[in-house]
Amino acid sequence: MSSVLYVCARPERSAADAEHRSFRRDLGVPSLDRIDLLHTPLDAVPWRDYAGFVVGGSPFNVTEERKGEAQLAVERDLERLAAHALSGAATALFTCYGIGVVTRMLGGEVTLAHPERVQAAEVRLTEEGLQDPLFGASAPGLSVFTAHKESAATVPPGAVLLATNEACPVQAYRVGSRLYATQFHPEASPRDFADRMAVYRASGYFDPAHYAATESMVLSSDVDGADLLARFPGVLGSGR
């Protein structure tokens, strides 16, 4: 069993498989166990035995008015993982869709006011981010891929802002010492993100009429979110 569990919330198998490979590569671990919550409930695996969790993205949105039972079950399981990290029992990194789940769980507001289409975005670290054991070494900021329709309106109760930019003020935060959430995708290389574009071509993250130009932009981007993930195994046992 690996020390970190990749938690998948993507219905699309090809995108889920590619995301798993991306996290395993950038974490720098020889193996990365996996659970796909749309097919396997959390309690089907010994999830409490893991020191860390990385939660991938999803085309789901927390703000959707009508949710199927599958999405509701995924959100319940993600909230359980977040509560586990809040207790100090493990370290968790929630990305993209996951930040909405955690924000709502903490009593914060999830809004449609700060969407970002497919792009390489510059995010800058806050004072708390500069001091954070996971984020601090990325000073003064990161270049990362973003593509989302919703985000946290403000930092939720109990959280500290770690990274921000003008387009989306809440790009990353930490709650306690073990629960992290990012709006951006730290795991995606340019090739990874271009391949993901093909899966979500009609999902509203970019104008499909400009597919070729958007793909070219993505492939020519220089991002460094992988550095953040490479440090994640080193903070699994740390506290503040």
C-alpha atoms as a PDB file:
ATOM      1  CA  MET A   1       0.000   0.000   0.000  1.00  0.00           C
ATOM      2  CA  SER A   2       1.300   3.454  -0.876  1.00  0.00           C
ATOM      3  CA  SER A   3       1.334   6.229   1.736  1.00  0.00           C
ATOM      4  CA  VAL A   4      -0.844   8.530  -0.424  1.00  0.00           C
ATOM      5  CA  LEU A   5      -4.246   7.771  -1.912  1.00  0.00           C
ATOM      6  CA  TYR A   6      -5.386   9.428  -5.143  1.00  0.00           C
ATOM      7  CA  VAL A   7      -9.100  10.186  -4.881  1.00  0.00           C
ATOM      8  CA  CYS A   8     -10.900  10.471  -8.221  1.00  0.00           C
ATOM      9  CA  ALA A   9     -14.227  12.236  -8.820  1.00  0.00           C
ATOM     10  CA  ARG A  10     -14.183  12.178 -12.643  1.00  0.00           C
ATOM     11  CA  PRO A  11     -16.846  10.211 -14.549  1.00  0.00           C
ATOM     12  CA  GLU A  12     -14.659  10.084 -17.692  1.00  0.00           C
ATOM     13  CA  ARG A  13     -12.323   7.083 -17.468  1.00  0.00           C
ATOM     14  CA  SER A  14      -9.669   8.421 -19.842  1.00  0.00           C
ATOM     15  CA  ALA A  15      -9.387  11.689 -17.927  1.00  0.00           C
ATOM     16  CA  ALA A  16      -9.334   9.848 -14.603  1.00  0.00           C
ATOM     17  CA  ASP A  17      -6.560   7.503 -15.750  1.00  0.00           C
ATOM     18  CA  ALA A  18      -4.477  10.403 -17.060  1.00  0.00           C
ATOM     19  CA  GLU A  19      -4.972  12.434 -13.866  1.00  0.00           C
ATOM     20  CA  HIS A  20      -3.838   9.462 -11.774  1.00  0.00           C
ATOM     21  CA  ARG A  21      -0.665   9.170 -13.846  1.00  0.00           C
ATOM     22  CA  SER A  22      -0.030  12.913 -13.520  1.00  0.00           C
ATOM     23  CA  PHE A  23      -0.294  12.874  -9.733  1.00  0.00           C
ATOM     24  CA  ARG A  24       1.912   9.787  -9.432  1.00  0.00           C
ATOM     25  CA  ARG A  25       4.587  11.375 -11.642  1.00  0.00           C
ATOM     26  CA  ASP A  26       4.616  14.742  -9.890  1.00  0.00           C
ATOM     27  CA  LEU A  27       4.428  13.352  -6.367  1.00  0.00           C
ATOM     28  CA  GLY A  28       7.545  11.373  -7.224  1.00  0.00           C
ATOM     29  CA  VAL A  29       6.249   8.218  -5.548  1.00  0.00           C
ATOM     30  CA  PRO A  30       6.876   4.703  -6.901  1.00  0.00           C
ATOM     31  CA  SER A  31       3.202   3.821  -6.560  1.00  0.00           C
ATOM     32  CA  LEU A  32       0.004   5.719  -5.897  1.00  0.00           C
ATOM     33  CA  ASP A  33      -3.089   3.876  -4.736  1.00  0.00           C
ATOM     34  CA  ARG A  34      -6.394   4.995  -6.207  1.00  0.00           C
ATOM     35  CA  ILE A  35     -10.088   5.085  -5.479  1.00  0.00           C
ATOM     36  CA  ASP A  36     -12.719   6.217  -7.984  1.00  0.00           C
ATOM     37  CA  LEU A  37     -15.588   7.468  -5.840  1.00  0.00           C
ATOM     38  CA  LEU A  38     -18.111   7.234  -8.667  1.00  0.00           C
ATOM     39  CA  HIS A  39     -17.554   3.473  -8.766  1.00  0.00           C
ATOM     40  CA  THR A  40     -16.287   2.606  -5.289  1.00  0.00           C
ATOM     41  CA  PRO A  41     -17.526   4.026  -1.981  1.00  0.00           C
ATOM     42  CA  LEU A  42     -14.865   5.353   0.364  1.00  0.00           C
ATOM     43  CA  ASP A  43     -15.438   2.677   2.979  1.00  0.00           C
ATOM     44  CA  ALA A  44     -14.578  -0.050   0.464  1.00  0.00           C
ATOM     45  CA  VAL A  45     -10.882   0.718   1.046  1.00  0.00           C
ATOM     46  CA  PRO A  46      -8.902   1.180   4.301  1.00  0.00           C
ATOM     47  CA  TRP A  47      -8.736   4.937   3.740  1.00  0.00           C
ATOM     48  CA  ARG A  48      -7.945   5.815   7.338  1.00  0.00           C
ATOM     49  CA  ASP A  49      -4.607   3.975   7.010  1.00  0.00           C
ATOM     50  CA  TYR A  50      -3.221   6.495   4.491  1.00  0.00           C
ATOM     51  CA  ALA A  51      -0.967   9.347   5.584  1.00  0.00           C
ATOM     52  CA  GLY A  52      -2.114  11.584   2.736  1.00  0.00           C
ATOM     53  CA  PHE A  53      -4.768  12.144   0.090  1.00  0.00           C
ATOM     54  CA  VAL A  54      -4.706  14.008  -3.224  1.00  0.00           C
ATOM     55  CA  VAL A  55      -8.150  14.788  -4.611  1.00  0.00           C
ATOM     56  CA  GLY A  56      -8.410  15.410  -8.337  1.00  0.00           C
ATOM     57  CA  GLY A  57     -10.809  17.604 -10.272  1.00  0.00           C
ATOM     58  CA  SER A  58     -14.195  16.921 -11.818  1.00  0.00           C
ATOM     59  CA  PRO A  59     -16.737  18.405 -14.234  1.00  0.00           C
ATOM     60  CA  PHE A  60     -19.164  18.416 -11.276  1.00  0.00           C
ATOM     61  CA  ASN A  61     -20.001  21.733  -9.628  1.00  0.00           C
ATOM     62  CA  VAL A  62     -21.016  22.294  -6.027  1.00  0.00           C
ATOM     63  CA  THR A  63     -23.432  25.041  -7.140  1.00  0.00           C
ATOM     64  CA  GLU A  64     -25.485  22.739  -9.372  1.00  0.00           C
ATOM     65  CA  GLU A  65     -29.137  22.852  -8.325  1.00  0.00           C
ATOM     66  CA  ARG A  66     -29.975  19.333  -9.424  1.00  0.00           C
ATOM     67  CA  LYS A  67     -27.508  16.649  -8.464  1.00  0.00           C
ATOM     68  CA  GLY A  68     -27.735  12.941  -9.052  1.00  0.00           C
ATOM     69  CA  GLU A  69     -27.254  10.499  -6.199  1.00  0.00           C
ATOM     70  CA  ALA A  70     -23.793   9.624  -7.544  1.00  0.00           C
ATOM     71  CA  GLN A  71     -22.581  13.212  -7.165  1.00  0.00           C
ATOM     72  CA  LEU A  72     -24.168  13.559  -3.743  1.00  0.00           C
ATOM     73  CA  ALA A  73     -22.407  10.379  -2.601  1.00  0.00           C
ATOM     74  CA  VAL A  74     -19.084  11.685  -3.928  1.00  0.00           C
ATOM     75  CA  GLU A  75     -19.522  14.946  -2.029  1.00  0.00           C
ATOM     76  CA  ARG A  76     -20.358  13.130   1.206  1.00  0.00           C
ATOM     77  CA  ASP A  77     -17.211  11.031   0.912  1.00  0.00           C
ATOM     78  CA  LEU A  78     -15.061  14.068   0.107  1.00  0.00           C
ATOM     79  CA  GLU A  79     -16.413  15.819   3.186  1.00  0.00           C
ATOM     80  CA  ARG A  80     -15.422  12.807   5.282  1.00  0.00           C
ATOM     81  CA  LEU A  81     -11.885  12.993   3.920  1.00  0.00           C
ATOM     82  CA  ALA A  82     -11.745  16.703   4.687  1.00  0.00           C
ATOM     83  CA  ALA A  83     -12.961  16.115   8.248  1.00  0.00           C
ATOM     84  CA  HIS A  84     -10.298  13.419   8.656  1.00  0.00           C
ATOM     85  CA  ALA A  85      -7.596  15.896   7.632  1.00  0.00           C
ATOM     86  CA  LEU A  86      -9.070  18.571   9.895  1.00  0.00           C
ATOM     87  CA  SER A  87      -8.717  16.155  12.811  1.00  0.00           C
ATOM     88  CA  GLY A  88      -4.971  15.979  12.112  1.00  0.00           C
ATOM     89  CA  ALA A  89      -5.080  12.282  11.237  1.00  0.00           C
ATOM     90  CA  ALA A  90      -3.779  12.760   7.679  1.00  0.00           C
ATOM     91  CA  THR A  91      -2.765  15.465   5.194  1.00  0.00           C
ATOM     92  CA  ALA A  92      -5.074  16.165   2.255  1.00  0.00           C
ATOM     93  CA  LEU A  93      -4.806  18.293  -0.877  1.00  0.00           C
ATOM     94  CA  PHE A  94      -8.141  19.025  -2.569  1.00  0.00           C
ATOM     95  CA  THR A  95      -7.954  20.526  -6.075  1.00  0.00           C
ATOM     96  CA  CYS A  96     -10.454  22.297  -8.365  1.00  0.00           C
ATOM     97  CA  TYR A  97     -13.937  20.867  -7.657  1.00  0.00           C
ATOM     98  CA  GLY A  98     -12.694  19.772  -4.243  1.00  0.00           C
ATOM     99  CA  ILE A  99     -12.133  23.335  -3.041  1.00  0.00           C
ATOM    100  CA  GLY A 100     -15.839  23.969  -3.536  1.00  0.00           C
ATOM    101  CA  VAL A 101     -16.779  20.922  -1.479  1.00  0.00           C
ATOM    102  CA  VAL A 102     -14.456  21.960   1.360  1.00  0.00           C
ATOM    103  CA  THR A 103     -15.562  25.608   1.225  1.00  0.00           C
ATOM    104  CA  ARG A 104     -19.225  24.673   1.545  1.00  0.00           C
ATOM    105  CA  MET A 105     -18.445  22.179   4.330  1.00  0.00           C
ATOM    106  CA  LEU A 106     -16.715  24.942   6.314  1.00  0.00           C
ATOM    107  CA  GLY A 107     -19.696  27.262   5.941  1.00  0.00           C
ATOM    108  CA  GLY A 108     -18.223  29.389   3.172  1.00  0.00           C
ATOM    109  CA  GLU A 109     -19.835  30.597  -0.034  1.00  0.00           C
ATOM    110  CA  VAL A 110     -19.215  29.022  -3.432  1.00  0.00           C
ATOM    111  CA  THR A 111     -19.821  31.495  -6.253  1.00  0.00           C
ATOM    112  CA  LEU A 112     -19.963  31.689 -10.046  1.00  0.00           C
ATOM    113  CA  ALA A 113     -18.487  35.206  -9.962  1.00  0.00           C
ATOM    114  CA  HIS A 114     -14.829  34.289 -10.622  1.00  0.00           C
ATOM    115  CA  PRO A 115     -14.656  31.736 -13.456  1.00  0.00           C
ATOM    116  CA  GLU A 116     -11.418  31.070 -15.337  1.00  0.00           C
ATOM    117  CA  ARG A 117     -11.286  29.502 -18.744  1.00  0.00           C
ATOM    118  CA  VAL A 118      -8.460  27.194 -19.815  1.00  0.00           C
ATOM    119  CA  GLN A 119      -5.237  29.096 -19.273  1.00  0.00           C
ATOM    120  CA  ALA A 120      -1.886  29.185 -17.536  1.00  0.00           C
ATOM    121  CA  ALA A 121      -2.444  31.597 -14.655  1.00  0.00           C
ATOM    122  CA  GLU A 122       0.020  33.340 -12.374  1.00  0.00           C
ATOM    123  CA  VAL A 123      -0.869  33.120  -8.693  1.00  0.00           C
ATOM    124  CA  ARG A 124       1.049  34.920  -5.951  1.00  0.00           C
ATOM    125  CA  LEU A 125       1.619  33.728  -2.416  1.00  0.00           C
ATOM    126  CA  THR A 126       0.249  35.623   0.553  1.00  0.00           C
ATOM    127  CA  GLU A 127       2.261  36.187   3.740  1.00  0.00           C
ATOM    128  CA  GLU A 128       0.773  32.984   5.130  1.00  0.00           C
ATOM    129  CA  GLY A 129       1.635  31.210   1.897  1.00  0.00           C
ATOM    130  CA  LEU A 130       5.251  32.320   2.125  1.00  0.00           C
ATOM    131  CA  GLN A 131       5.477  30.723   5.581  1.00  0.00           C
ATOM    132  CA  ASP A 132       3.613  27.545   4.687  1.00  0.00           C
ATOM    133  CA  PRO A 133       5.658  24.289   4.615  1.00  0.00           C
ATOM    134  CA  LEU A 134       4.061  23.169   1.339  1.00  0.00           C
ATOM    135  CA  PHE A 135       3.706  26.478  -0.533  1.00  0.00           C
ATOM    136  CA  GLY A 136       6.555  28.592   0.827  1.00  0.00           C
ATOM    137  CA  ALA A 137       9.315  27.253  -1.402  1.00  0.00           C
ATOM    138  CA  SER A 138       7.345  28.439  -4.452  1.00  0.00           C
ATOM    139  CA  ALA A 139       7.871  32.106  -3.491  1.00  0.00           C
ATOM    140  CA  PRO A 140       6.862  34.543  -4.803  1.00  0.00           C
ATOM    141  CA  GLY A 141       4.252  32.550  -6.703  1.00  0.00           C
ATOM    142  CA  LEU A 142       3.312  29.814  -9.133  1.00  0.00           C
ATOM    143  CA  SER A 143       2.330  29.433 -12.754  1.00  0.00           C
ATOM    144  CA  VAL A 144      -0.460  26.850 -12.963  1.00  0.00           C
ATOM    145  CA  PHE A 145      -3.320  25.729 -15.173  1.00  0.00           C
ATOM    146  CA  THR A 146      -6.851  26.814 -14.328  1.00  0.00           C
ATOM    147  CA  ALA A 147     -10.242  25.941 -15.799  1.00  0.00           C
ATOM    148  CA  HIS A 148     -13.307  26.298 -13.594  1.00  0.00           C
ATOM    149  CA  LYS A 149     -16.807  27.770 -13.444  1.00  0.00           C
ATOM    150  CA  GLU A 150     -17.141  28.227  -9.685  1.00  0.00           C
ATOM    151  CA  SER A 151     -14.860  29.136  -6.805  1.00  0.00           C
ATOM    152  CA  ALA A 152     -14.838  30.189  -3.176  1.00  0.00           C
ATOM    153  CA  ALA A 153     -16.259  33.706  -2.860  1.00  0.00           C
ATOM    154  CA  THR A 154     -13.941  34.417   0.077  1.00  0.00           C
ATOM    155  CA  VAL A 155     -11.748  32.357   2.354  1.00  0.00           C
ATOM    156  CA  PRO A 156     -14.137  30.182   4.414  1.00  0.00           C
ATOM    157  CA  PRO A 157     -14.275  30.345   8.213  1.00  0.00           C
ATOM    158  CA  GLY A 158     -11.168  28.914   9.860  1.00  0.00           C
ATOM    159  CA  ALA A 159      -9.025  28.954   6.709  1.00  0.00           C
ATOM    160  CA  VAL A 160      -5.978  31.056   5.821  1.00  0.00           C
ATOM    161  CA  LEU A 161      -5.403  32.293   2.274  1.00  0.00           C
ATOM    162  CA  LEU A 162      -2.193  30.952   0.726  1.00  0.00           C
ATOM    163  CA  ALA A 163      -2.395  32.058  -2.921  1.00  0.00           C
ATOM    164  CA  THR A 164      -4.419  34.552  -4.927  1.00  0.00           C
ATOM    165  CA  ASN A 165      -4.677  36.516  -8.157  1.00  0.00           C
ATOM    166  CA  GLU A 166      -6.960  39.150  -9.646  1.00  0.00           C
ATOM    167  CA  ALA A 167      -9.136  36.811 -11.685  1.00  0.00           C
ATOM    168  CA  CYS A 168      -9.920  34.454  -8.806  1.00  0.00           C
ATOM    169  CA  PRO A 169      -9.072  35.832  -5.346  1.00  0.00           C
ATOM    170  CA  VAL A 170      -9.138  32.444  -3.569  1.00  0.00           C
ATOM    171  CA  GLN A 171      -6.633  30.248  -5.392  1.00  0.00           C
ATOM    172  CA  ALA A 172      -5.458  28.230  -2.386  1.00  0.00           C
ATOM    173  CA  TYR A 173      -5.987  28.016   1.340  1.00  0.00           C
ATOM    174  CA  ARG A 174      -5.099  25.873   4.338  1.00  0.00           C
ATOM    175  CA  VAL A 175      -7.302  24.874   7.251  1.00  0.00           C
ATOM    176  CA  GLY A 176      -5.482  23.828  10.402  1.00  0.00           C
ATOM    177  CA  SER A 177      -2.158  22.212   9.579  1.00  0.00           C
ATOM    178  CA  ARG A 178      -3.208  19.298   7.370  1.00  0.00           C
ATOM    179  CA  LEU A 179      -6.029  20.354   5.034  1.00  0.00           C
ATOM    180  CA  TYR A 180      -5.105  22.169   1.788  1.00  0.00           C
ATOM    181  CA  ALA A 181      -7.372  23.240  -1.064  1.00  0.00           C
ATOM    182  CA  THR A 182      -6.427  24.728  -4.433  1.00  0.00           C
ATOM    183  CA  GLN A 183      -8.631  26.137  -7.173  1.00  0.00           C
ATOM    184  CA  PHE A 184      -5.923  25.444  -9.738  1.00  0.00           C
ATOM    185  CA  HIS A 185      -4.548  22.164 -11.088  1.00  0.00           C
ATOM    186  CA  PRO A 186      -1.014  21.569  -9.758  1.00  0.00           C
ATOM    187  CA  GLU A 187      -0.717  18.141 -11.391  1.00  0.00           C
ATOM    188  CA  ALA A 188      -1.168  19.069 -15.046  1.00  0.00           C
ATOM    189  CA  SER A 189       1.720  19.475 -17.466  1.00  0.00           C
ATOM    190  CA  PRO A 190       1.055  21.266 -20.783  1.00  0.00           C
ATOM    191  CA  ARG A 191       0.618  17.913 -22.531  1.00  0.00           C
ATOM    192  CA  ASP A 192      -1.667  16.662 -19.754  1.00  0.00           C
ATOM    193  CA  PHE A 193      -3.882  19.729 -19.967  1.00  0.00           C
ATOM    194  CA  ALA A 194      -4.055  19.645 -23.753  1.00  0.00           C
ATOM    195  CA  ASP A 195      -5.159  16.014 -23.602  1.00  0.00           C
ATOM    196  CA  ARG A 196      -7.773  16.903 -20.987  1.00  0.00           C
ATOM    197  CA  MET A 197      -9.117  19.614 -23.304  1.00  0.00           C
ATOM    198  CA  ALA A 198     -10.057  16.923 -25.804  1.00  0.00           C
ATOM    199  CA  VAL A 199     -12.190  15.132 -23.207  1.00  0.00           C
ATOM    200  CA  TYR A 200     -13.973  18.310 -22.066  1.00  0.00           C
ATOM    201  CA  ARG A 201     -14.183  20.032 -25.425  1.00  0.00           C
ATOM    202  CA  ALA A 202     -17.925  20.693 -25.113  1.00  0.00           C
ATOM    203  CA  SER A 203     -18.045  21.327 -21.365  1.00  0.00           C
ATOM    204  CA  GLY A 204     -17.785  25.116 -21.380  1.00  0.00           C
ATOM    205  CA  TYR A 205     -14.201  25.578 -20.204  1.00  0.00           C
ATOM    206  CA  PHE A 206     -13.140  27.157 -23.493  1.00  0.00           C
ATOM    207  CA  ASP A 207     -14.644  28.102 -26.845  1.00  0.00           C
ATOM    208  CA  PRO A 208     -14.518  24.941 -28.999  1.00  0.00           C
ATOM    209  CA  ALA A 209     -14.367  27.155 -32.091  1.00  0.00           C
ATOM    210  CA  HIS A 210     -10.916  28.226 -30.874  1.00  0.00           C
ATOM    211  CA  TYR A 211      -9.759  24.725 -29.979  1.00  0.00           C
ATOM    212  CA  ALA A 212      -6.550  24.760 -32.009  1.00  0.00           C
ATOM    213  CA  ALA A 213      -5.432  28.170 -30.724  1.00  0.00           C
ATOM    214  CA  THR A 214      -6.248  27.240 -27.115  1.00  0.00           C
ATOM    215  CA  GLU A 215      -4.376  23.963 -27.419  1.00  0.00           C
ATOM    216  CA  SER A 216      -1.368  25.775 -28.874  1.00  0.00           C
ATOM    217  CA  MET A 217      -1.411  28.236 -25.966  1.00  0.00           C
ATOM    218  CA  VAL A 218      -1.564  25.408 -23.443  1.00  0.00           C
ATOM    219  CA  LEU A 219       1.258  23.456 -25.051  1.00  0.00           C
ATOM    220  CA  SER A 220       3.540  26.507 -25.104  1.00  0.00           C
ATOM    221  CA  SER A 221       2.902  27.357 -21.436  1.00  0.00           C
ATOM    222  CA  ASP A 222       5.515  27.033 -18.714  1.00  0.00           C
ATOM    223  CA  VAL A 223       3.951  25.858 -15.430  1.00  0.00           C
ATOM    224  CA  ASP A 224       5.507  24.774 -12.155  1.00  0.00           C
ATOM    225  CA  GLY A 225       2.703  23.252 -10.103  1.00  0.00           C
ATOM    226  CA  ALA A 226       4.621  19.962 -10.155  1.00  0.00           C
ATOM    227  CA  ASP A 227       7.113  21.491  -7.706  1.00  0.00           C
ATOM    228  CA  LEU A 228       4.303  21.899  -5.192  1.00  0.00           C
ATOM    229  CA  LEU A 229       3.280  18.259  -5.529  1.00  0.00           C
ATOM    230  CA  ALA A 230       6.884  17.072  -5.246  1.00  0.00           C
ATOM    231  CA  ARG A 231       6.954  18.599  -1.751  1.00  0.00           C
ATOM    232  CA  PHE A 232       3.648  17.046  -0.664  1.00  0.00           C
ATOM    233  CA  PRO A 233       5.065  13.690   0.545  1.00  0.00           C
ATOM    234  CA  GLY A 234       7.486  15.641   2.738  1.00  0.00           C
ATOM    235  CA  VAL A 235       4.706  17.370   4.705  1.00  0.00           C
ATOM    236  CA  LEU A 236       2.615  14.292   5.437  1.00  0.00           C
ATOM    237  CA  GLY A 237       3.838  14.012   8.984  1.00  0.00           C
ATOM    238  CA  SER A 238       4.325  17.689   9.725  1.00  0.00           C
ATOM    239  CA  GLY A 239       2.195  19.903  11.908  1.00  0.00           C
ATOM    240  CA  ARG A 240       2.190  23.557  12.785  1.00  0.00           C
END
